[in-house]
Amino acid sequence: MSAEPLIAGEMPLAEVMARLRHDRPVFHSEADLQHSFARVLWELAPKIQSRLEVRQNAPAAVGAEYLDLLCIGPSARTAIEFKYFTANWTGAAGSVPEEYALRSHAATDLARLGFVSDIARLERFGNRPDQNGLALLITNAAGLWTPPKPGSKPTRDRDFRIHEGRALAGQLLWGGGDYESNTRALHGSYPLNWQPYSLQDGPQGEFRYVAVFTDS
């Protein structure tokens, strides 16, 4: 796979994110993020068609499984899973100020589990030679990108840590393997490099994102 994977064989993610942060520095919800990303992608690359909530037929699927966004280009496709995990933040953002009132989601351990699960899902969904996957997480919860302090007591989600500089690979056990249903096995190895997204006024006003491409 290329050192700089493209969305649907056409667009670098960095270009999409630069335009997205300009247009939408904050989102109201994950659905808002999905719609805004698809709109910006179409504006930058009209040849790419976007489809939301596409049912998948992965060999190991249990029941109905849906993909957040499928991007279809002239010669390649990208399957995308989004996560938008927020901490409390209230304020106005955007070139035309818009009011936001973000609330804290579930515990950060479940955010980590969800992101790793997205990567595992994309590996399973990648059953076409012309398709890669992208797991994208945007957050203002600094605990997700901050490494644990030296000497910190091990937590049940220690294998699922997604802080800056970590790499996800192999079999990841929840609570040392005590919760088999939360075990995730990754075929690839994924270094995690967090990027700035936007900086807003007030506590918890810093937003960052991390992106992982899975092989086609």
C-alpha atoms as a PDB file:
ATOM      1  CA  MET A   1       0.000   0.000   0.000  1.00  0.00           C
ATOM      2  CA  SER A   2       1.165   3.557  -0.732  1.00  0.00           C
ATOM      3  CA  ALA A   3       2.944   5.473   2.036  1.00  0.00           C
ATOM      4  CA  GLU A   4       0.189   8.067   1.656  1.00  0.00           C
ATOM      5  CA  PRO A   5      -3.095   6.217   1.159  1.00  0.00           C
ATOM      6  CA  LEU A   6      -5.787   8.006  -0.797  1.00  0.00           C
ATOM      7  CA  ILE A   7      -9.525   8.130  -0.277  1.00  0.00           C
ATOM      8  CA  ALA A   8     -11.147   6.253  -3.172  1.00  0.00           C
ATOM      9  CA  GLY A   9      -7.849   6.442  -5.050  1.00  0.00           C
ATOM     10  CA  GLU A  10      -8.270  10.192  -5.488  1.00  0.00           C
ATOM     11  CA  MET A  11      -7.932  12.366  -2.373  1.00  0.00           C
ATOM     12  CA  PRO A  12      -5.320  12.638   0.395  1.00  0.00           C
ATOM     13  CA  LEU A  13      -6.962  12.649   3.799  1.00  0.00           C
ATOM     14  CA  ALA A  14      -4.908  15.680   4.883  1.00  0.00           C
ATOM     15  CA  GLU A  15      -6.555  17.818   2.199  1.00  0.00           C
ATOM     16  CA  VAL A  16     -10.023  16.713   3.239  1.00  0.00           C
ATOM     17  CA  MET A  17      -9.313  17.399   6.911  1.00  0.00           C
ATOM     18  CA  ALA A  18      -7.862  20.852   6.157  1.00  0.00           C
ATOM     19  CA  ARG A  19     -11.035  21.846   4.325  1.00  0.00           C
ATOM     20  CA  LEU A  20     -13.249  20.189   6.933  1.00  0.00           C
ATOM     21  CA  ARG A  21     -11.648  22.010   9.871  1.00  0.00           C
ATOM     22  CA  HIS A  22     -12.032  25.287   8.002  1.00  0.00           C
ATOM     23  CA  ASP A  23     -15.727  24.708   7.317  1.00  0.00           C
ATOM     24  CA  ARG A  24     -16.659  22.814  10.494  1.00  0.00           C
ATOM     25  CA  PRO A  25     -14.225  23.206  13.412  1.00  0.00           C
ATOM     26  CA  VAL A  26     -16.759  21.512  15.735  1.00  0.00           C
ATOM     27  CA  PHE A  27     -19.625  19.070  15.162  1.00  0.00           C
ATOM     28  CA  HIS A  28     -22.891  18.594  16.993  1.00  0.00           C
ATOM     29  CA  SER A  29     -22.818  14.813  16.695  1.00  0.00           C
ATOM     30  CA  GLU A  30     -21.223  11.865  14.935  1.00  0.00           C
ATOM     31  CA  ALA A  31     -23.940  11.983  12.275  1.00  0.00           C
ATOM     32  CA  ASP A  32     -23.113  15.654  11.734  1.00  0.00           C
ATOM     33  CA  LEU A  33     -19.456  14.694  11.224  1.00  0.00           C
ATOM     34  CA  GLN A  34     -20.351  11.961   8.734  1.00  0.00           C
ATOM     35  CA  HIS A  35     -22.544  14.234   6.643  1.00  0.00           C
ATOM     36  CA  SER A  36     -20.021  17.110   6.710  1.00  0.00           C
ATOM     37  CA  PHE A  37     -17.129  14.845   5.717  1.00  0.00           C
ATOM     38  CA  ALA A  38     -19.104  13.434   2.774  1.00  0.00           C
ATOM     39  CA  ARG A  39     -20.067  16.936   1.628  1.00  0.00           C
ATOM     40  CA  VAL A  40     -16.487  18.257   1.765  1.00  0.00           C
ATOM     41  CA  LEU A  41     -15.195  15.186  -0.051  1.00  0.00           C
ATOM     42  CA  TRP A  42     -17.694  15.724  -2.868  1.00  0.00           C
ATOM     43  CA  GLU A  43     -16.731  19.406  -3.140  1.00  0.00           C
ATOM     44  CA  LEU A  44     -13.032  18.546  -3.409  1.00  0.00           C
ATOM     45  CA  ALA A  45     -13.410  15.454  -5.607  1.00  0.00           C
ATOM     46  CA  PRO A  46     -16.740  15.391  -7.479  1.00  0.00           C
ATOM     47  CA  LYS A  47     -15.818  12.093  -9.132  1.00  0.00           C
ATOM     48  CA  ILE A  48     -16.075  10.341  -5.767  1.00  0.00           C
ATOM     49  CA  GLN A  49     -19.563   9.175  -4.863  1.00  0.00           C
ATOM     50  CA  SER A  50     -20.466   8.825  -1.178  1.00  0.00           C
ATOM     51  CA  ARG A  51     -22.979   6.419   0.355  1.00  0.00           C
ATOM     52  CA  LEU A  52     -23.994   6.546   4.022  1.00  0.00           C
ATOM     53  CA  GLU A  53     -24.943   3.498   6.139  1.00  0.00           C
ATOM     54  CA  VAL A  54     -24.125   0.789   3.601  1.00  0.00           C
ATOM     55  CA  ARG A  55     -24.946  -2.777   4.617  1.00  0.00           C
ATOM     56  CA  GLN A  56     -21.948  -5.118   4.481  1.00  0.00           C
ATOM     57  CA  ASN A  57     -21.756  -8.808   3.704  1.00  0.00           C
ATOM     58  CA  ALA A  58     -18.518  -9.749   5.415  1.00  0.00           C
ATOM     59  CA  PRO A  59     -17.956 -13.517   5.659  1.00  0.00           C
ATOM     60  CA  ALA A  60     -17.786 -13.339   9.458  1.00  0.00           C
ATOM     61  CA  ALA A  61     -20.738 -10.988   9.846  1.00  0.00           C
ATOM     62  CA  VAL A  62     -23.209 -11.727  12.624  1.00  0.00           C
ATOM     63  CA  GLY A  63     -26.541 -10.246  11.667  1.00  0.00           C
ATOM     64  CA  ALA A  64     -26.755  -6.953   9.803  1.00  0.00           C
ATOM     65  CA  GLU A  65     -23.595  -4.825   9.803  1.00  0.00           C
ATOM     66  CA  TYR A  66     -23.474  -1.327   8.349  1.00  0.00           C
ATOM     67  CA  LEU A  67     -20.603   0.859   7.200  1.00  0.00           C
ATOM     68  CA  ASP A  68     -20.705   4.559   8.091  1.00  0.00           C
ATOM     69  CA  LEU A  69     -19.555   5.799   4.683  1.00  0.00           C
ATOM     70  CA  LEU A  70     -18.532   4.138   1.426  1.00  0.00           C
ATOM     71  CA  CYS A  71     -16.579   6.337  -1.000  1.00  0.00           C
ATOM     72  CA  ILE A  72     -16.582   5.133  -4.604  1.00  0.00           C
ATOM     73  CA  GLY A  73     -14.054   6.583  -7.043  1.00  0.00           C
ATOM     74  CA  PRO A  74     -13.416   5.818 -10.712  1.00  0.00           C
ATOM     75  CA  SER A  75     -10.823   3.152  -9.898  1.00  0.00           C
ATOM     76  CA  ALA A  76     -10.902   2.527  -6.134  1.00  0.00           C
ATOM     77  CA  ARG A  77     -13.108   2.604  -3.041  1.00  0.00           C
ATOM     78  CA  THR A  78     -12.662   3.493   0.625  1.00  0.00           C
ATOM     79  CA  ALA A  79     -14.777   2.205   3.501  1.00  0.00           C
ATOM     80  CA  ILE A  80     -14.872   4.700   6.387  1.00  0.00           C
ATOM     81  CA  GLU A  81     -15.883   4.321  10.022  1.00  0.00           C
ATOM     82  CA  PHE A  82     -16.222   7.484  12.162  1.00  0.00           C
ATOM     83  CA  LYS A  83     -16.012   8.128  15.871  1.00  0.00           C
ATOM     84  CA  TYR A  84     -16.765  11.502  17.474  1.00  0.00           C
ATOM     85  CA  PHE A  85     -16.093  11.293  21.195  1.00  0.00           C
ATOM     86  CA  THR A  86     -16.676  14.483  23.159  1.00  0.00           C
ATOM     87  CA  ALA A  87     -16.053  15.982  26.554  1.00  0.00           C
ATOM     88  CA  ASN A  88     -18.181  18.826  27.915  1.00  0.00           C
ATOM     89  CA  TRP A  89     -17.683  21.999  25.904  1.00  0.00           C
ATOM     90  CA  THR A  90     -19.977  24.943  25.236  1.00  0.00           C
ATOM     91  CA  GLY A  91     -19.215  27.810  22.913  1.00  0.00           C
ATOM     92  CA  ALA A  92     -19.434  29.280  19.445  1.00  0.00           C
ATOM     93  CA  ALA A  93     -17.306  28.138  16.518  1.00  0.00           C
ATOM     94  CA  GLY A  94     -17.050  28.650  12.776  1.00  0.00           C
ATOM     95  CA  SER A  95     -16.504  31.555  10.380  1.00  0.00           C
ATOM     96  CA  VAL A  96     -20.189  32.314  10.903  1.00  0.00           C
ATOM     97  CA  PRO A  97     -20.380  31.635  14.661  1.00  0.00           C
ATOM     98  CA  GLU A  98     -22.602  28.701  15.541  1.00  0.00           C
ATOM     99  CA  GLU A  99     -23.495  27.691  19.080  1.00  0.00           C
ATOM    100  CA  TYR A 100     -22.482  24.252  20.341  1.00  0.00           C
ATOM    101  CA  ALA A 101     -23.260  22.447  23.581  1.00  0.00           C
ATOM    102  CA  LEU A 102     -21.240  19.237  23.663  1.00  0.00           C
ATOM    103  CA  ARG A 103     -21.767  16.725  26.428  1.00  0.00           C
ATOM    104  CA  SER A 104     -19.428  14.051  27.746  1.00  0.00           C
ATOM    105  CA  HIS A 105     -19.904  10.616  26.248  1.00  0.00           C
ATOM    106  CA  ALA A 106     -19.243   7.288  27.939  1.00  0.00           C
ATOM    107  CA  ALA A 107     -15.963   6.467  29.660  1.00  0.00           C
ATOM    108  CA  THR A 108     -12.798   6.779  27.592  1.00  0.00           C
ATOM    109  CA  ASP A 109     -12.166   3.029  27.846  1.00  0.00           C
ATOM    110  CA  LEU A 110     -15.280   2.415  25.749  1.00  0.00           C
ATOM    111  CA  ALA A 111     -14.122   5.038  23.248  1.00  0.00           C
ATOM    112  CA  ARG A 112     -10.881   3.110  22.824  1.00  0.00           C
ATOM    113  CA  LEU A 113     -12.754  -0.167  22.426  1.00  0.00           C
ATOM    114  CA  GLY A 114     -15.013   1.423  19.823  1.00  0.00           C
ATOM    115  CA  PHE A 115     -12.138   2.792  17.750  1.00  0.00           C
ATOM    116  CA  VAL A 116     -10.203  -0.480  17.798  1.00  0.00           C
ATOM    117  CA  SER A 117     -13.419  -2.318  16.898  1.00  0.00           C
ATOM    118  CA  ASP A 118     -13.806  -0.022  13.882  1.00  0.00           C
ATOM    119  CA  ILE A 119     -10.322  -0.994  12.676  1.00  0.00           C
ATOM    120  CA  ALA A 120     -11.120  -4.691  13.086  1.00  0.00           C
ATOM    121  CA  ARG A 121     -14.410  -4.226  11.204  1.00  0.00           C
ATOM    122  CA  LEU A 122     -12.677  -2.467   8.333  1.00  0.00           C
ATOM    123  CA  GLU A 123     -10.192  -5.315   8.045  1.00  0.00           C
ATOM    124  CA  ARG A 124     -13.112  -7.727   7.731  1.00  0.00           C
ATOM    125  CA  PHE A 125     -14.968  -5.523   5.264  1.00  0.00           C
ATOM    126  CA  GLY A 126     -11.921  -5.188   2.996  1.00  0.00           C
ATOM    127  CA  ASN A 127     -12.765  -8.120   0.762  1.00  0.00           C
ATOM    128  CA  ARG A 128     -12.065  -6.305  -2.527  1.00  0.00           C
ATOM    129  CA  PRO A 129      -8.617  -5.661  -4.041  1.00  0.00           C
ATOM    130  CA  ASP A 130      -9.660  -2.114  -5.000  1.00  0.00           C
ATOM    131  CA  GLN A 131     -10.848  -1.093  -1.509  1.00  0.00           C
ATOM    132  CA  ASN A 132      -9.033   0.240   1.531  1.00  0.00           C
ATOM    133  CA  GLY A 133     -10.441   1.283   4.887  1.00  0.00           C
ATOM    134  CA  LEU A 134     -10.213   4.360   7.072  1.00  0.00           C
ATOM    135  CA  ALA A 135     -11.001   4.624  10.792  1.00  0.00           C
ATOM    136  CA  LEU A 136     -11.263   8.267  11.850  1.00  0.00           C
ATOM    137  CA  LEU A 137     -11.684   9.576  15.398  1.00  0.00           C
ATOM    138  CA  ILE A 138     -12.151  13.252  16.306  1.00  0.00           C
ATOM    139  CA  THR A 139     -12.252  14.227  19.977  1.00  0.00           C
ATOM    140  CA  ASN A 140     -11.692  16.935  22.554  1.00  0.00           C
ATOM    141  CA  ALA A 141     -11.082  14.360  25.311  1.00  0.00           C
ATOM    142  CA  ALA A 142      -7.357  14.800  25.928  1.00  0.00           C
ATOM    143  CA  GLY A 143      -7.164  11.530  27.849  1.00  0.00           C
ATOM    144  CA  LEU A 144      -7.410   9.653  24.565  1.00  0.00           C
ATOM    145  CA  TRP A 145      -4.254  11.097  23.021  1.00  0.00           C
ATOM    146  CA  THR A 146      -2.244  11.524  26.253  1.00  0.00           C
ATOM    147  CA  PRO A 147       0.024   8.610  27.303  1.00  0.00           C
ATOM    148  CA  PRO A 148      -0.581   7.199  30.775  1.00  0.00           C
ATOM    149  CA  LYS A 149       1.711   8.489  33.496  1.00  0.00           C
ATOM    150  CA  PRO A 150       4.748   6.312  34.284  1.00  0.00           C
ATOM    151  CA  GLY A 151       3.938   3.883  37.051  1.00  0.00           C
ATOM    152  CA  SER A 152       0.183   4.138  36.519  1.00  0.00           C
ATOM    153  CA  LYS A 153      -1.853   1.146  37.639  1.00  0.00           C
ATOM    154  CA  PRO A 154      -2.763  -1.113  34.681  1.00  0.00           C
ATOM    155  CA  THR A 155      -6.337  -0.689  33.517  1.00  0.00           C
ATOM    156  CA  ARG A 156      -8.691  -3.187  31.892  1.00  0.00           C
ATOM    157  CA  ASP A 157      -8.301  -1.403  28.542  1.00  0.00           C
ATOM    158  CA  ARG A 158      -4.477  -1.227  28.588  1.00  0.00           C
ATOM    159  CA  ASP A 159      -4.182  -3.214  25.324  1.00  0.00           C
ATOM    160  CA  PHE A 160      -6.606  -0.749  23.698  1.00  0.00           C
ATOM    161  CA  ARG A 161      -4.724   2.452  24.522  1.00  0.00           C
ATOM    162  CA  ILE A 162      -4.667   4.765  21.500  1.00  0.00           C
ATOM    163  CA  HIS A 163      -2.417   7.584  22.755  1.00  0.00           C
ATOM    164  CA  GLU A 164       0.170   9.360  20.639  1.00  0.00           C
ATOM    165  CA  GLY A 165       3.059   7.130  19.548  1.00  0.00           C
ATOM    166  CA  ARG A 166       1.366   3.809  20.278  1.00  0.00           C
ATOM    167  CA  ALA A 167       0.947   1.076  17.669  1.00  0.00           C
ATOM    168  CA  LEU A 168      -2.031  -1.292  17.570  1.00  0.00           C
ATOM    169  CA  ALA A 169      -1.326  -4.843  16.426  1.00  0.00           C
ATOM    170  CA  GLY A 170      -2.115  -8.487  17.087  1.00  0.00           C
ATOM    171  CA  GLN A 171      -4.535  -9.809  19.681  1.00  0.00           C
ATOM    172  CA  LEU A 172      -5.804  -7.208  22.129  1.00  0.00           C
ATOM    173  CA  LEU A 173      -7.256  -8.484  25.393  1.00  0.00           C
ATOM    174  CA  TRP A 174      -9.724  -6.604  27.573  1.00  0.00           C
ATOM    175  CA  GLY A 175      -8.965  -6.960  31.267  1.00  0.00           C
ATOM    176  CA  GLY A 176      -6.225  -9.472  30.533  1.00  0.00           C
ATOM    177  CA  GLY A 177      -8.652 -11.735  28.696  1.00  0.00           C
ATOM    178  CA  ASP A 178     -11.424 -11.835  31.297  1.00  0.00           C
ATOM    179  CA  TYR A 179     -13.941 -10.373  28.806  1.00  0.00           C
ATOM    180  CA  GLU A 180     -13.664 -12.601  25.751  1.00  0.00           C
ATOM    181  CA  SER A 181     -16.394 -10.740  23.887  1.00  0.00           C
ATOM    182  CA  ASN A 182     -14.184  -7.634  23.926  1.00  0.00           C
ATOM    183  CA  THR A 183     -11.105  -9.365  22.520  1.00  0.00           C
ATOM    184  CA  ARG A 184     -10.046  -7.886  19.177  1.00  0.00           C
ATOM    185  CA  ALA A 185      -7.521  -9.354  16.737  1.00  0.00           C
ATOM    186  CA  LEU A 186      -5.876  -7.092  14.165  1.00  0.00           C
ATOM    187  CA  HIS A 187      -4.097  -8.425  11.091  1.00  0.00           C
ATOM    188  CA  GLY A 188      -2.121  -5.252  10.420  1.00  0.00           C
ATOM    189  CA  SER A 189       0.047  -2.990  12.547  1.00  0.00           C
ATOM    190  CA  TYR A 190      -1.161   0.584  12.974  1.00  0.00           C
ATOM    191  CA  PRO A 191       1.028   3.382  14.407  1.00  0.00           C
ATOM    192  CA  LEU A 192      -1.084   6.148  15.940  1.00  0.00           C
ATOM    193  CA  ASN A 193      -0.179   9.722  15.074  1.00  0.00           C
ATOM    194  CA  TRP A 194      -2.570  12.337  16.422  1.00  0.00           C
ATOM    195  CA  GLN A 195      -3.061  15.547  14.453  1.00  0.00           C
ATOM    196  CA  PRO A 196      -4.446  18.943  15.514  1.00  0.00           C
ATOM    197  CA  TYR A 197      -7.999  19.576  14.371  1.00  0.00           C
ATOM    198  CA  SER A 198      -9.216  22.845  15.919  1.00  0.00           C
ATOM    199  CA  LEU A 199      -8.613  24.997  18.974  1.00  0.00           C
ATOM    200  CA  GLN A 200     -11.587  26.653  20.644  1.00  0.00           C
ATOM    201  CA  ASP A 201     -11.910  28.914  23.664  1.00  0.00           C
ATOM    202  CA  GLY A 202     -12.377  27.519  27.125  1.00  0.00           C
ATOM    203  CA  PRO A 203     -11.602  24.265  28.931  1.00  0.00           C
ATOM    204  CA  GLN A 204     -11.600  21.176  26.684  1.00  0.00           C
ATOM    205  CA  GLY A 205     -11.615  23.382  23.600  1.00  0.00           C
ATOM    206  CA  GLU A 206      -8.749  21.541  21.907  1.00  0.00           C
ATOM    207  CA  PHE A 207      -9.814  19.027  19.267  1.00  0.00           C
ATOM    208  CA  ARG A 208      -7.503  16.450  17.690  1.00  0.00           C
ATOM    209  CA  TYR A 209      -7.949  13.546  15.323  1.00  0.00           C
ATOM    210  CA  VAL A 210      -6.315  10.207  14.661  1.00  0.00           C
ATOM    211  CA  ALA A 211      -6.686   8.258  11.435  1.00  0.00           C
ATOM    212  CA  VAL A 212      -5.848   4.660  10.559  1.00  0.00           C
ATOM    213  CA  PHE A 213      -5.886   3.266   7.033  1.00  0.00           C
ATOM    214  CA  THR A 214      -6.330  -0.460   6.586  1.00  0.00           C
ATOM    215  CA  ASP A 215      -4.918  -2.285   3.579  1.00  0.00           C
ATOM    216  CA  SER A 216      -6.945  -3.016   0.489  1.00  0.00           C
END
